């Protein structure tokens, strides 16, 4: 009979097998704020590879139910009306107006080595963004966004990956939207005939 003074070690083969199917825990910490300007209320604006091209000024909006593509991106991808499928449900723009979509197109959105097919609703309306990715893209990727931390985190191949937002780009988009709104609003003196 042999006696051991040390507790027996667990079988490493079993613990390795148990870890293979585990999805990494997605969480955000104070460390994730490094490199951001705090405090802030910036939107989460990222660069994504859409249809084979690196596309800047993409808004990550978990409050939106549909992915949207604006004219700059539509033209930049050299899309034609015949590339679009029918989509006849009206949308409400940021400015509160009803917009009739030109159609819908399905394109690959790549983040690192992960690719998700996304159906974009193409609209002919002003936006400081080139596109909006919404809940369906986030859910397909298994991603969690954080505007506070300016990141999107998602599991891939047993690892946790992240997409980092650009506060500078988000602020440029905000200035562009405010500037456009101010230029399109009639002045008080014009309203009163002065």
N, C-alpha and C. Protein backbone atom coordinates (compact mmCIF):
# COMPACT_ATOMS: atom_id res chain seq x y z
N UNK A 1 0.84 -1.16 0.00
CA UNK A 1 0.00 0.00 0.00
C UNK A 1 0.89 1.23 0.00
N UNK A 2 0.58 2.22 -0.88
CA UNK A 2 1.38 3.45 -0.92
C UNK A 2 0.58 4.60 -0.31
N UNK A 3 1.29 5.45 0.35
CA UNK A 3 0.65 6.60 1.00
C UNK A 3 1.22 7.87 0.38
N UNK A 4 0.34 8.82 0.07
CA UNK A 4 0.77 10.08 -0.52
C UNK A 4 0.45 11.21 0.44
N UNK A 5 1.39 12.11 0.58
CA UNK A 5 1.15 13.27 1.45
C UNK A 5 0.46 14.40 0.70
N UNK A 6 0.36 14.33 -0.62
CA UNK A 6 -0.23 15.39 -1.43
C UNK A 6 -1.57 14.94 -1.98
N UNK A 7 -2.53 15.86 -2.06
CA UNK A 7 -3.81 15.47 -2.65
C UNK A 7 -3.61 15.09 -4.11
N UNK A 8 -4.43 14.21 -4.57
CA UNK A 8 -4.29 13.77 -5.96
C UNK A 8 -4.69 14.89 -6.91
N UNK A 9 -3.98 14.99 -7.99
CA UNK A 9 -4.26 16.00 -9.03
C UNK A 9 -5.42 15.51 -9.88
N UNK A 10 -6.30 16.42 -10.34
CA UNK A 10 -7.36 16.00 -11.24
C UNK A 10 -6.77 15.57 -12.58
N UNK A 11 -7.46 14.71 -13.26
CA UNK A 11 -7.02 14.24 -14.58
C UNK A 11 -7.08 15.42 -15.55
N UNK A 12 -5.93 15.88 -16.05
CA UNK A 12 -5.86 17.03 -16.95
C UNK A 12 -6.64 16.83 -18.24
N UNK A 13 -6.73 15.58 -18.70
CA UNK A 13 -7.48 15.33 -19.93
C UNK A 13 -8.94 15.71 -19.77
N UNK A 14 -9.51 15.42 -18.62
CA UNK A 14 -10.92 15.76 -18.38
C UNK A 14 -11.12 17.26 -18.30
N UNK A 15 -10.25 17.99 -17.60
CA UNK A 15 -10.44 19.42 -17.46
C UNK A 15 -10.23 20.13 -18.80
N UNK A 16 -9.32 19.65 -19.64
CA UNK A 16 -9.13 20.24 -20.97
C UNK A 16 -10.37 20.02 -21.84
N UNK A 17 -10.94 18.82 -21.78
CA UNK A 17 -12.14 18.54 -22.55
C UNK A 17 -13.31 19.41 -22.11
N UNK A 18 -13.41 19.67 -20.84
CA UNK A 18 -14.51 20.46 -20.32
C UNK A 18 -14.41 21.91 -20.79
N UNK A 19 -13.18 22.42 -20.95
CA UNK A 19 -12.99 23.81 -21.34
C UNK A 19 -13.20 24.07 -22.83
N UNK A 20 -13.11 23.05 -23.67
CA UNK A 20 -13.20 23.23 -25.12
C UNK A 20 -14.50 23.90 -25.54
N UNK A 21 -15.63 23.49 -24.99
CA UNK A 21 -16.91 24.02 -25.40
C UNK A 21 -17.36 25.24 -24.62
N UNK A 22 -16.52 25.78 -23.77
CA UNK A 22 -16.91 26.91 -22.93
C UNK A 22 -16.79 28.21 -23.73
N UNK A 23 -17.85 29.02 -23.69
CA UNK A 23 -17.82 30.33 -24.32
C UNK A 23 -17.21 31.32 -23.33
N UNK A 24 -16.27 32.12 -23.80
CA UNK A 24 -15.66 33.09 -22.88
C UNK A 24 -16.70 34.06 -22.33
N UNK A 25 -16.51 34.45 -21.10
CA UNK A 25 -17.40 35.39 -20.43
C UNK A 25 -17.15 36.79 -20.99
N UNK A 26 -18.23 37.46 -21.41
CA UNK A 26 -18.09 38.82 -21.93
C UNK A 26 -18.39 39.78 -20.79
N UNK A 27 -17.40 40.61 -20.48
CA UNK A 27 -17.59 41.62 -19.43
C UNK A 27 -16.71 42.82 -19.75
N UNK A 28 -17.07 43.94 -19.15
CA UNK A 28 -16.32 45.17 -19.32
C UNK A 28 -15.85 45.63 -17.96
N UNK A 29 -14.63 46.17 -17.91
CA UNK A 29 -14.06 46.64 -16.65
C UNK A 29 -13.50 48.04 -16.82
N UNK A 30 -12.99 48.59 -15.75
CA UNK A 30 -12.35 49.91 -15.81
C UNK A 30 -11.20 49.90 -16.80
N UNK A 31 -10.53 48.76 -16.90
CA UNK A 31 -9.40 48.61 -17.84
C UNK A 31 -9.84 48.86 -19.28
N UNK A 32 -11.08 48.50 -19.61
CA UNK A 32 -11.60 48.68 -20.97
C UNK A 32 -11.81 50.15 -21.33
N UNK A 33 -11.81 51.03 -20.34
CA UNK A 33 -11.97 52.47 -20.61
C UNK A 33 -10.67 53.12 -21.05
N UNK A 34 -9.54 52.40 -20.87
CA UNK A 34 -8.23 52.97 -21.24
C UNK A 34 -8.25 53.39 -22.70
N UNK A 35 -7.73 54.58 -22.95
CA UNK A 35 -7.67 55.08 -24.32
C UNK A 35 -8.92 55.86 -24.72
N UNK A 36 -9.92 55.94 -23.82
CA UNK A 36 -11.12 56.72 -24.13
C UNK A 36 -11.10 58.01 -23.32
N UNK A 37 -11.80 59.00 -23.84
CA UNK A 37 -11.97 60.25 -23.11
C UNK A 37 -13.18 60.09 -22.22
N UNK A 38 -12.98 60.21 -20.91
CA UNK A 38 -14.06 60.04 -19.94
C UNK A 38 -14.26 61.33 -19.16
N UNK A 39 -15.41 61.69 -18.72
CA UNK A 39 -16.70 61.11 -19.08
C UNK A 39 -17.10 61.54 -20.49
N UNK A 40 -18.02 60.80 -21.10
CA UNK A 40 -18.48 61.13 -22.45
C UNK A 40 -19.88 60.58 -22.66
N UNK A 41 -20.50 61.01 -23.74
CA UNK A 41 -21.79 60.45 -24.15
C UNK A 41 -21.76 60.16 -25.65
N UNK A 42 -20.58 59.76 -26.15
CA UNK A 42 -20.39 59.50 -27.57
C UNK A 42 -21.09 58.22 -28.02
N UNK A 43 -21.55 58.26 -29.25
CA UNK A 43 -22.10 57.06 -29.88
C UNK A 43 -20.95 56.08 -30.14
N UNK A 44 -21.29 54.83 -30.38
CA UNK A 44 -20.28 53.82 -30.70
C UNK A 44 -20.17 53.72 -32.22
N UNK A 45 -19.11 54.30 -32.76
CA UNK A 45 -18.88 54.36 -34.20
C UNK A 45 -17.61 53.57 -34.50
N UNK A 46 -17.71 52.62 -35.42
CA UNK A 46 -16.60 51.71 -35.72
C UNK A 46 -16.32 51.66 -37.21
N UNK A 47 -15.23 50.99 -37.56
CA UNK A 47 -14.91 50.68 -38.95
C UNK A 47 -15.10 49.17 -39.11
N UNK A 48 -15.87 48.78 -40.13
CA UNK A 48 -16.12 47.37 -40.41
C UNK A 48 -15.82 47.08 -41.88
N UNK A 49 -15.54 45.84 -42.17
CA UNK A 49 -15.33 45.42 -43.57
C UNK A 49 -16.68 44.95 -44.11
N UNK A 50 -17.27 45.74 -45.00
CA UNK A 50 -18.58 45.45 -45.57
C UNK A 50 -18.44 45.25 -47.07
N UNK A 51 -18.92 44.11 -47.56
CA UNK A 51 -18.85 43.84 -48.99
C UNK A 51 -17.43 43.86 -49.53
N UNK A 52 -16.46 43.54 -48.69
CA UNK A 52 -15.06 43.50 -49.13
C UNK A 52 -14.31 44.81 -49.01
N UNK A 53 -14.93 45.85 -48.45
CA UNK A 53 -14.29 47.16 -48.31
C UNK A 53 -14.31 47.60 -46.85
N UNK A 54 -13.24 48.28 -46.41
CA UNK A 54 -13.21 48.84 -45.07
C UNK A 54 -14.09 50.08 -45.06
N UNK A 55 -15.10 50.07 -44.23
CA UNK A 55 -16.09 51.15 -44.20
C UNK A 55 -16.03 51.86 -42.85
N UNK A 56 -15.76 53.16 -42.90
CA UNK A 56 -15.70 53.98 -41.69
C UNK A 56 -17.08 54.55 -41.39
N UNK A 57 -17.24 55.08 -40.19
CA UNK A 57 -18.47 55.75 -39.74
C UNK A 57 -19.68 54.81 -39.71
N UNK A 58 -19.48 53.61 -39.17
CA UNK A 58 -20.58 52.66 -39.00
C UNK A 58 -21.06 52.77 -37.55
N UNK A 59 -22.33 53.12 -37.38
CA UNK A 59 -22.92 53.26 -36.06
C UNK A 59 -23.38 51.90 -35.56
N UNK A 60 -22.97 51.52 -34.36
CA UNK A 60 -23.47 50.31 -33.71
C UNK A 60 -24.64 50.74 -32.84
N UNK A 61 -25.85 50.31 -33.20
CA UNK A 61 -27.06 50.77 -32.53
C UNK A 61 -27.92 49.59 -32.10
N UNK A 62 -27.77 49.18 -30.83
CA UNK A 62 -28.55 48.04 -30.35
C UNK A 62 -30.02 48.39 -30.17
N UNK A 63 -30.37 49.66 -30.32
CA UNK A 63 -31.77 50.07 -30.24
C UNK A 63 -32.49 49.96 -31.58
N UNK A 64 -31.74 49.71 -32.64
CA UNK A 64 -32.33 49.61 -33.98
C UNK A 64 -32.64 48.16 -34.33
N UNK A 65 -33.78 47.97 -35.00
CA UNK A 65 -34.19 46.62 -35.39
C UNK A 65 -33.66 46.23 -36.77
N UNK A 66 -33.23 47.20 -37.57
CA UNK A 66 -32.76 46.90 -38.93
C UNK A 66 -31.40 47.53 -39.19
N UNK A 67 -30.63 46.90 -40.05
CA UNK A 67 -29.37 47.45 -40.51
C UNK A 67 -29.69 48.38 -41.68
N UNK A 68 -29.05 49.54 -41.70
CA UNK A 68 -29.35 50.56 -42.71
C UNK A 68 -28.08 50.95 -43.43
N UNK A 69 -28.21 51.18 -44.74
CA UNK A 69 -27.11 51.67 -45.57
C UNK A 69 -27.53 53.00 -46.18
N UNK A 70 -26.63 53.99 -46.11
CA UNK A 70 -26.92 55.33 -46.62
C UNK A 70 -26.25 55.54 -47.98
N UNK A 71 -26.61 56.63 -48.69
CA UNK A 71 -26.14 56.85 -50.07
C UNK A 71 -24.63 56.79 -50.27
N UNK A 72 -23.84 57.34 -49.35
CA UNK A 72 -22.38 57.32 -49.53
C UNK A 72 -21.85 55.91 -49.69
N UNK A 73 -22.32 55.00 -48.85
CA UNK A 73 -21.85 53.62 -48.92
C UNK A 73 -22.41 52.92 -50.15
N UNK A 74 -23.68 53.14 -50.44
CA UNK A 74 -24.34 52.55 -51.62
C UNK A 74 -23.55 52.90 -52.89
N UNK A 75 -23.20 54.17 -53.03
CA UNK A 75 -22.44 54.62 -54.20
C UNK A 75 -21.00 54.11 -54.14
N UNK A 76 -20.40 54.14 -52.94
CA UNK A 76 -19.02 53.70 -52.77
C UNK A 76 -18.81 52.22 -53.10
N UNK A 77 -19.84 51.40 -52.89
CA UNK A 77 -19.76 49.97 -53.22
C UNK A 77 -20.14 49.69 -54.67
N UNK A 78 -20.42 50.76 -55.43
CA UNK A 78 -20.82 50.65 -56.84
C UNK A 78 -22.05 49.77 -57.02
N UNK A 79 -23.01 49.91 -56.10
CA UNK A 79 -24.24 49.14 -56.20
C UNK A 79 -25.18 49.82 -57.19
N UNK A 80 -26.01 49.01 -57.83
CA UNK A 80 -26.98 49.50 -58.81
C UNK A 80 -28.37 49.11 -58.34
N UNK A 81 -29.39 49.80 -58.81
CA UNK A 81 -30.76 49.46 -58.41
C UNK A 81 -31.10 47.98 -58.64
N UNK A 82 -30.54 47.37 -59.68
CA UNK A 82 -30.84 45.95 -59.95
C UNK A 82 -30.18 45.00 -58.95
N UNK A 83 -29.25 45.51 -58.13
CA UNK A 83 -28.63 44.70 -57.08
C UNK A 83 -29.54 44.56 -55.85
N UNK A 84 -30.57 45.41 -55.79
CA UNK A 84 -31.43 45.46 -54.62
C UNK A 84 -32.66 44.57 -54.78
N UNK A 85 -33.08 43.98 -53.67
CA UNK A 85 -34.35 43.26 -53.66
C UNK A 85 -35.40 44.19 -53.05
N UNK A 86 -36.66 43.88 -53.28
CA UNK A 86 -37.75 44.73 -52.84
C UNK A 86 -37.85 44.79 -51.32
N UNK A 87 -38.03 46.00 -50.81
CA UNK A 87 -38.31 46.23 -49.39
C UNK A 87 -39.21 47.45 -49.33
N UNK A 88 -40.47 47.24 -49.03
CA UNK A 88 -41.42 48.35 -49.16
C UNK A 88 -41.99 48.86 -47.84
N UNK A 89 -41.39 48.52 -46.73
CA UNK A 89 -41.85 49.01 -45.44
C UNK A 89 -41.17 50.35 -45.15
N UNK A 90 -41.92 51.42 -44.89
CA UNK A 90 -41.26 52.71 -44.63
C UNK A 90 -40.50 52.72 -43.30
N UNK A 91 -39.49 53.57 -43.23
CA UNK A 91 -38.69 53.75 -42.02
C UNK A 91 -38.79 55.20 -41.57
N UNK A 92 -38.51 55.45 -40.30
CA UNK A 92 -38.49 56.81 -39.77
C UNK A 92 -37.04 57.21 -39.58
N UNK A 93 -36.65 58.35 -40.17
CA UNK A 93 -35.26 58.81 -40.10
C UNK A 93 -34.96 59.44 -38.75
N UNK A 94 -33.68 59.79 -38.53
CA UNK A 94 -33.28 60.48 -37.31
C UNK A 94 -34.01 61.81 -37.18
N UNK A 95 -34.31 62.42 -38.31
CA UNK A 95 -34.97 63.73 -38.31
C UNK A 95 -36.47 63.62 -38.11
N UNK A 96 -36.99 62.40 -37.98
CA UNK A 96 -38.41 62.19 -37.74
C UNK A 96 -39.27 62.10 -38.99
N UNK A 97 -38.65 62.14 -40.16
CA UNK A 97 -39.41 62.03 -41.40
C UNK A 97 -39.50 60.57 -41.83
N UNK A 98 -40.56 60.25 -42.57
CA UNK A 98 -40.73 58.90 -43.09
C UNK A 98 -39.92 58.76 -44.37
N UNK A 99 -39.16 57.69 -44.48
CA UNK A 99 -38.30 57.44 -45.63
C UNK A 99 -38.72 56.13 -46.28
N UNK A 100 -38.90 56.18 -47.61
CA UNK A 100 -39.21 54.96 -48.34
C UNK A 100 -37.90 54.36 -48.82
N UNK A 101 -37.57 53.13 -48.41
CA UNK A 101 -36.31 52.51 -48.82
C UNK A 101 -36.24 52.27 -50.32
N UNK A 102 -35.01 52.30 -50.84
CA UNK A 102 -34.77 51.96 -52.24
C UNK A 102 -34.84 50.45 -52.44
N UNK A 103 -34.56 49.71 -51.38
CA UNK A 103 -34.57 48.26 -51.44
C UNK A 103 -33.68 47.68 -50.36
N UNK A 104 -33.37 46.40 -50.52
CA UNK A 104 -32.57 45.70 -49.53
C UNK A 104 -31.47 44.93 -50.24
N UNK A 105 -30.32 44.80 -49.60
CA UNK A 105 -29.22 44.01 -50.15
C UNK A 105 -28.53 43.26 -49.03
N UNK A 106 -28.14 42.03 -49.33
CA UNK A 106 -27.46 41.18 -48.35
C UNK A 106 -25.97 41.19 -48.67
N UNK A 107 -25.16 41.60 -47.67
CA UNK A 107 -23.71 41.70 -47.85
C UNK A 107 -22.98 41.10 -46.65
N UNK A 108 -21.76 40.60 -46.89
CA UNK A 108 -20.97 40.09 -45.76
C UNK A 108 -20.36 41.24 -44.97
N UNK A 109 -20.43 41.12 -43.64
CA UNK A 109 -19.77 42.06 -42.73
C UNK A 109 -18.72 41.25 -41.99
N UNK A 110 -17.45 41.64 -42.17
CA UNK A 110 -16.34 40.89 -41.59
C UNK A 110 -15.73 41.65 -40.43
N UNK A 111 -15.52 40.92 -39.34
CA UNK A 111 -14.79 41.43 -38.18
C UNK A 111 -13.70 40.43 -37.90
N UNK A 112 -12.46 40.82 -38.08
CA UNK A 112 -11.34 39.91 -37.94
C UNK A 112 -11.55 38.75 -38.92
N UNK A 113 -11.62 37.52 -38.45
CA UNK A 113 -11.84 36.39 -39.36
C UNK A 113 -13.31 35.95 -39.39
N UNK A 114 -14.16 36.61 -38.62
CA UNK A 114 -15.57 36.24 -38.54
C UNK A 114 -16.40 37.03 -39.56
N UNK A 115 -17.27 36.31 -40.28
CA UNK A 115 -18.11 36.93 -41.31
C UNK A 115 -19.57 36.63 -41.01
N UNK A 116 -20.39 37.68 -41.04
CA UNK A 116 -21.83 37.55 -40.83
C UNK A 116 -22.52 38.17 -42.04
N UNK A 117 -23.46 37.45 -42.63
CA UNK A 117 -24.25 38.00 -43.73
C UNK A 117 -25.32 38.91 -43.15
N UNK A 118 -25.41 40.13 -43.65
CA UNK A 118 -26.33 41.12 -43.11
C UNK A 118 -27.23 41.66 -44.23
N UNK A 119 -28.52 41.78 -43.94
CA UNK A 119 -29.46 42.39 -44.88
C UNK A 119 -29.57 43.87 -44.54
N UNK A 120 -29.04 44.72 -45.42
CA UNK A 120 -29.10 46.17 -45.24
C UNK A 120 -30.30 46.74 -45.97
N UNK A 121 -31.02 47.64 -45.31
CA UNK A 121 -32.07 48.40 -45.95
C UNK A 121 -31.39 49.65 -46.50
N UNK A 122 -31.52 49.87 -47.81
CA UNK A 122 -30.86 51.00 -48.46
C UNK A 122 -31.85 52.17 -48.52
N UNK A 123 -31.45 53.30 -47.95
CA UNK A 123 -32.31 54.49 -47.95
C UNK A 123 -31.57 55.66 -48.58
N UNK A 124 -32.34 56.54 -49.19
CA UNK A 124 -31.78 57.75 -49.77
C UNK A 124 -32.14 58.90 -48.84
N UNK A 125 -31.40 59.01 -47.76
CA UNK A 125 -31.63 60.05 -46.75
C UNK A 125 -30.29 60.46 -46.18
N UNK A 126 -30.22 61.67 -45.66
CA UNK A 126 -28.99 62.14 -45.07
C UNK A 126 -28.70 61.42 -43.75
N UNK A 127 -27.46 61.10 -43.54
CA UNK A 127 -26.99 60.62 -42.25
C UNK A 127 -25.50 60.92 -42.17
N UNK A 128 -25.00 61.28 -41.00
CA UNK A 128 -23.56 61.45 -40.86
C UNK A 128 -22.83 60.10 -40.89
N UNK A 129 -23.60 59.00 -40.75
CA UNK A 129 -23.03 57.65 -40.76
C UNK A 129 -23.15 57.07 -42.16
N UNK A 130 -22.28 56.10 -42.48
CA UNK A 130 -22.39 55.42 -43.76
C UNK A 130 -23.35 54.24 -43.65
N UNK A 131 -23.44 53.67 -42.44
CA UNK A 131 -24.33 52.52 -42.22
C UNK A 131 -24.62 52.41 -40.73
N UNK A 132 -25.67 51.64 -40.44
CA UNK A 132 -26.00 51.30 -39.06
C UNK A 132 -26.06 49.78 -38.97
N UNK A 133 -25.34 49.21 -38.02
CA UNK A 133 -25.50 47.79 -37.72
C UNK A 133 -26.30 47.71 -36.43
N UNK A 134 -27.22 46.76 -36.38
CA UNK A 134 -28.22 46.73 -35.32
C UNK A 134 -28.23 45.39 -34.60
N UNK A 135 -29.37 45.13 -33.94
CA UNK A 135 -29.48 43.92 -33.12
C UNK A 135 -29.25 42.62 -33.89
N UNK A 136 -29.73 42.52 -35.12
CA UNK A 136 -29.56 41.24 -35.83
C UNK A 136 -28.07 40.94 -36.07
N UNK A 137 -27.27 41.96 -36.39
CA UNK A 137 -25.82 41.74 -36.57
C UNK A 137 -25.18 41.38 -35.23
N UNK A 138 -25.53 42.13 -34.17
CA UNK A 138 -24.98 41.84 -32.85
C UNK A 138 -25.32 40.42 -32.41
N UNK A 139 -26.58 40.02 -32.60
CA UNK A 139 -27.02 38.69 -32.17
C UNK A 139 -26.34 37.59 -32.98
N UNK A 140 -26.22 37.78 -34.30
CA UNK A 140 -25.57 36.77 -35.15
C UNK A 140 -24.11 36.57 -34.75
N UNK A 141 -23.45 37.65 -34.34
CA UNK A 141 -22.04 37.59 -33.93
C UNK A 141 -21.90 37.14 -32.48
N UNK A 142 -23.01 37.21 -31.72
CA UNK A 142 -22.95 36.92 -30.28
C UNK A 142 -22.25 38.04 -29.53
N UNK A 143 -22.40 39.27 -30.05
CA UNK A 143 -21.64 40.42 -29.55
C UNK A 143 -22.40 41.23 -28.50
N UNK A 144 -21.62 41.91 -27.67
CA UNK A 144 -22.16 42.82 -26.67
C UNK A 144 -21.44 44.16 -26.85
N UNK A 145 -22.21 45.24 -27.14
CA UNK A 145 -21.57 46.55 -27.28
C UNK A 145 -21.60 47.33 -25.98
N UNK A 146 -20.64 48.25 -25.82
CA UNK A 146 -20.65 49.17 -24.68
C UNK A 146 -20.23 50.55 -25.19
N UNK A 147 -21.18 51.49 -25.19
CA UNK A 147 -20.83 52.84 -25.59
C UNK A 147 -19.88 53.47 -24.57
N UNK A 148 -20.08 53.17 -23.28
CA UNK A 148 -19.21 53.71 -22.24
C UNK A 148 -17.75 53.33 -22.48
N UNK A 149 -17.51 52.08 -22.82
CA UNK A 149 -16.16 51.57 -23.03
C UNK A 149 -15.69 51.71 -24.47
N UNK A 150 -16.60 52.13 -25.37
CA UNK A 150 -16.30 52.30 -26.79
C UNK A 150 -15.75 51.01 -27.42
N UNK A 151 -16.46 49.90 -27.13
CA UNK A 151 -16.05 48.59 -27.64
C UNK A 151 -17.25 47.71 -27.92
N UNK A 152 -17.02 46.76 -28.83
CA UNK A 152 -17.93 45.65 -29.04
C UNK A 152 -17.10 44.41 -28.74
N UNK A 153 -17.58 43.54 -27.87
CA UNK A 153 -16.87 42.29 -27.57
C UNK A 153 -17.72 41.13 -28.04
N UNK A 154 -17.05 40.09 -28.56
CA UNK A 154 -17.76 38.90 -29.03
C UNK A 154 -16.85 37.67 -28.94
N UNK A 155 -17.47 36.49 -28.73
CA UNK A 155 -16.68 35.26 -28.65
C UNK A 155 -16.38 34.73 -30.06
N UNK A 156 -15.20 34.19 -30.24
CA UNK A 156 -14.82 33.61 -31.53
C UNK A 156 -13.71 32.59 -31.32
N UNK A 157 -13.96 31.36 -31.70
CA UNK A 157 -12.94 30.32 -31.60
C UNK A 157 -12.41 30.13 -30.20
N UNK A 158 -13.26 30.25 -29.19
CA UNK A 158 -12.84 30.07 -27.81
C UNK A 158 -12.14 31.27 -27.22
N UNK A 159 -12.05 32.37 -27.98
CA UNK A 159 -11.41 33.58 -27.50
C UNK A 159 -12.43 34.71 -27.42
N UNK A 160 -12.06 35.77 -26.74
CA UNK A 160 -12.88 36.97 -26.68
C UNK A 160 -12.21 38.00 -27.58
N UNK A 161 -12.94 38.47 -28.61
CA UNK A 161 -12.41 39.48 -29.53
C UNK A 161 -13.13 40.79 -29.30
N UNK A 162 -12.51 41.87 -29.76
CA UNK A 162 -13.16 43.16 -29.60
C UNK A 162 -12.95 44.06 -30.81
N UNK A 163 -13.94 44.91 -31.02
CA UNK A 163 -13.90 45.95 -32.03
C UNK A 163 -13.88 47.26 -31.26
N UNK A 164 -12.92 48.11 -31.55
CA UNK A 164 -12.78 49.34 -30.79
C UNK A 164 -13.38 50.51 -31.57
N UNK A 165 -14.21 51.28 -30.88
CA UNK A 165 -14.86 52.44 -31.48
C UNK A 165 -13.91 53.63 -31.59
N UNK A 166 -14.34 54.61 -32.37
CA UNK A 166 -13.57 55.83 -32.55
C UNK A 166 -14.38 57.02 -32.03
N UNK A 167 -13.97 57.55 -30.89
CA UNK A 167 -14.66 58.71 -30.34
C UNK A 167 -14.49 59.92 -31.26
N UNK A 168 -13.32 60.06 -31.87
CA UNK A 168 -13.09 61.17 -32.80
C UNK A 168 -14.08 61.13 -33.96
N UNK A 169 -14.27 59.94 -34.52
CA UNK A 169 -15.22 59.79 -35.63
C UNK A 169 -16.65 60.04 -35.15
N UNK A 170 -16.98 59.56 -33.96
CA UNK A 170 -18.33 59.77 -33.42
C UNK A 170 -18.60 61.26 -33.24
N UNK A 171 -17.61 61.99 -32.78
CA UNK A 171 -17.77 63.43 -32.56
C UNK A 171 -17.87 64.17 -33.89
N UNK A 172 -17.11 63.75 -34.90
CA UNK A 172 -17.23 64.36 -36.23
C UNK A 172 -18.63 64.16 -36.79
N UNK A 173 -19.18 62.97 -36.60
CA UNK A 173 -20.54 62.68 -37.08
C UNK A 173 -21.56 63.56 -36.36
N UNK A 174 -21.38 63.76 -35.06
CA UNK A 174 -22.29 64.60 -34.29
C UNK A 174 -22.23 66.05 -34.77
N UNK A 175 -21.02 66.56 -34.98
CA UNK A 175 -20.86 67.94 -35.46
C UNK A 175 -21.51 68.08 -36.83
N UNK A 176 -21.32 67.10 -37.70
CA UNK A 176 -21.91 67.13 -39.03
C UNK A 176 -23.44 67.16 -38.97
N UNK A 177 -24.02 66.35 -38.09
CA UNK A 177 -25.47 66.30 -37.95
C UNK A 177 -26.01 67.61 -37.40
N UNK A 178 -25.34 68.19 -36.40
CA UNK A 178 -25.79 69.46 -35.80
C UNK A 178 -25.67 70.59 -36.81
N UNK A 179 -24.56 70.62 -37.52
CA UNK A 179 -24.33 71.65 -38.53
C UNK A 179 -25.39 71.59 -39.62
N UNK A 180 -25.72 70.40 -40.07
CA UNK A 180 -26.74 70.23 -41.11
C UNK A 180 -28.10 70.69 -40.59
N UNK A 181 -28.41 70.32 -39.36
CA UNK A 181 -29.70 70.70 -38.78
C UNK A 181 -29.82 72.22 -38.68
N UNK A 182 -28.73 72.88 -38.25
CA UNK A 182 -28.75 74.34 -38.11
C UNK A 182 -28.89 75.02 -39.47
N UNK A 183 -28.27 74.46 -40.49
CA UNK A 183 -28.36 75.04 -41.84
C UNK A 183 -29.73 74.83 -42.47
N UNK A 184 -30.46 73.81 -42.05
CA UNK A 184 -31.77 73.51 -42.62
C UNK A 184 -32.92 74.13 -41.86
N UNK A 185 -32.67 74.63 -40.65
CA UNK A 185 -33.74 75.25 -39.86
C UNK A 185 -33.90 76.70 -40.27
N UNK A 186 -35.14 77.13 -40.47
CA UNK A 186 -35.34 78.55 -40.78
C UNK A 186 -35.01 79.38 -39.55
N UNK A 187 -34.42 80.54 -39.75
CA UNK A 187 -34.08 81.38 -38.61
C UNK A 187 -35.34 82.02 -38.04
N UNK A 188 -35.28 82.45 -36.80
CA UNK A 188 -36.42 83.08 -36.15
C UNK A 188 -36.83 84.35 -36.88
N UNK A 189 -35.85 85.12 -37.39
CA UNK A 189 -36.18 86.36 -38.09
C UNK A 189 -36.90 86.08 -39.41
N UNK A 190 -36.53 85.00 -40.09
CA UNK A 190 -37.20 84.64 -41.34
C UNK A 190 -38.62 84.20 -41.09
N UNK A 191 -38.85 83.50 -39.96
CA UNK A 191 -40.20 83.03 -39.62
C UNK A 191 -41.13 84.20 -39.33
N UNK A 192 -40.61 85.27 -38.76
CA UNK A 192 -41.44 86.40 -38.39
C UNK A 192 -41.43 87.52 -39.41
N UNK A 193 -40.84 87.27 -40.59
CA UNK A 193 -40.84 88.25 -41.66
C UNK A 193 -39.98 89.46 -41.39
N UNK A 194 -38.95 89.31 -40.60
CA UNK A 194 -38.06 90.44 -40.29
C UNK A 194 -36.92 90.55 -41.25
